[in-house]
Amino acid sequence: MSIWLFRAGKQGEYENKFLQDKRVYLTCDNLNTD
């Protein structure tokens, strides 16, 4: 069995966007969170 761990930014700063959009993104310093 495989388990994947996705972190929403170094400190979880993108967690709300991931959950709201129901998507996982490859983040970068200039991710638009609006």
N, C-alpha and C. Protein backbone atom coordinates (compact mmCIF):
# COMPACT_ATOMS: atom_id res chain seq x y z
N MET A 1 0.84 -1.17 0.00
CA MET A 1 0.00 0.00 0.00
C MET A 1 0.89 1.24 0.00
N SER A 2 0.53 2.21 -0.81
CA SER A 2 1.26 3.48 -0.87
C SER A 2 0.47 4.57 -0.18
N ILE A 3 1.18 5.46 0.47
CA ILE A 3 0.55 6.62 1.11
C ILE A 3 1.26 7.86 0.59
N TRP A 4 0.49 8.82 0.15
CA TRP A 4 1.03 10.08 -0.33
C TRP A 4 0.77 11.16 0.71
N LEU A 5 1.74 12.01 0.94
CA LEU A 5 1.59 13.13 1.85
C LEU A 5 1.77 14.41 1.04
N PHE A 6 0.78 15.26 1.10
CA PHE A 6 0.86 16.56 0.43
C PHE A 6 0.88 17.63 1.49
N ARG A 7 1.87 18.48 1.41
CA ARG A 7 1.95 19.61 2.33
C ARG A 7 1.53 20.86 1.58
N ALA A 8 0.71 21.64 2.21
CA ALA A 8 0.19 22.86 1.58
C ALA A 8 1.06 24.04 1.96
N GLY A 9 2.28 24.04 1.46
CA GLY A 9 3.24 25.09 1.81
C GLY A 9 4.11 24.65 2.98
N LYS A 10 5.17 25.37 3.23
CA LYS A 10 6.10 25.00 4.30
C LYS A 10 5.43 25.02 5.67
N GLN A 11 4.53 25.95 5.88
CA GLN A 11 3.85 26.09 7.17
C GLN A 11 2.33 25.89 7.05
N GLY A 12 1.89 25.28 5.95
CA GLY A 12 0.46 25.06 5.75
C GLY A 12 -0.28 26.28 5.26
N GLU A 13 0.45 27.25 4.74
CA GLU A 13 -0.17 28.52 4.35
C GLU A 13 -1.15 28.40 3.18
N TYR A 14 -1.10 27.32 2.42
CA TYR A 14 -2.01 27.14 1.29
C TYR A 14 -3.12 26.12 1.59
N GLU A 15 -3.20 25.65 2.82
CA GLU A 15 -4.15 24.60 3.18
C GLU A 15 -5.60 24.99 2.84
N ASN A 16 -6.01 26.19 3.18
CA ASN A 16 -7.39 26.61 2.90
C ASN A 16 -7.69 26.60 1.42
N LYS A 17 -6.74 27.05 0.60
CA LYS A 17 -6.95 27.06 -0.86
C LYS A 17 -7.09 25.63 -1.38
N PHE A 18 -6.24 24.74 -0.95
CA PHE A 18 -6.31 23.35 -1.39
C PHE A 18 -7.67 22.74 -1.05
N LEU A 19 -8.11 22.95 0.20
CA LEU A 19 -9.38 22.38 0.64
C LEU A 19 -10.57 23.03 -0.06
N GLN A 20 -10.54 24.34 -0.20
CA GLN A 20 -11.63 25.06 -0.85
C GLN A 20 -11.77 24.65 -2.31
N ASP A 21 -10.65 24.54 -3.02
CA ASP A 21 -10.67 24.19 -4.44
C ASP A 21 -10.79 22.69 -4.68
N LYS A 22 -10.60 21.88 -3.61
CA LYS A 22 -10.59 20.42 -3.72
C LYS A 22 -9.56 19.95 -4.74
N ARG A 23 -8.39 20.59 -4.66
CA ARG A 23 -7.27 20.29 -5.57
C ARG A 23 -5.97 20.34 -4.79
N VAL A 24 -4.96 19.74 -5.38
CA VAL A 24 -3.61 19.83 -4.85
C VAL A 24 -2.76 20.53 -5.90
N TYR A 25 -2.00 21.51 -5.48
CA TYR A 25 -1.19 22.30 -6.40
C TYR A 25 0.29 22.12 -6.09
N LEU A 26 1.11 22.30 -7.09
CA LEU A 26 2.55 22.44 -6.88
C LEU A 26 2.76 23.91 -6.57
N THR A 27 3.16 24.20 -5.35
CA THR A 27 3.23 25.60 -4.92
C THR A 27 4.58 26.23 -5.28
N CYS A 28 4.53 27.54 -5.36
CA CYS A 28 5.73 28.34 -5.56
C CYS A 28 5.53 29.63 -4.76
N ASP A 29 6.52 30.45 -4.70
CA ASP A 29 6.44 31.66 -3.88
C ASP A 29 5.33 32.61 -4.30
N ASN A 30 4.92 32.60 -5.56
CA ASN A 30 3.92 33.56 -6.01
C ASN A 30 2.58 32.91 -6.35
N LEU A 31 2.17 31.87 -5.60
CA LEU A 31 0.88 31.22 -5.82
C LEU A 31 -0.23 32.21 -5.52
N ASN A 32 -1.17 32.37 -6.45
CA ASN A 32 -2.30 33.26 -6.27
C ASN A 32 -3.31 32.57 -5.36
N THR A 33 -3.52 33.10 -4.17
CA THR A 33 -4.43 32.47 -3.21
C THR A 33 -5.79 33.15 -3.16
N ASP A 34 -6.09 34.01 -4.11
CA ASP A 34 -7.40 34.69 -4.14
C ASP A 34 -8.47 33.81 -4.73
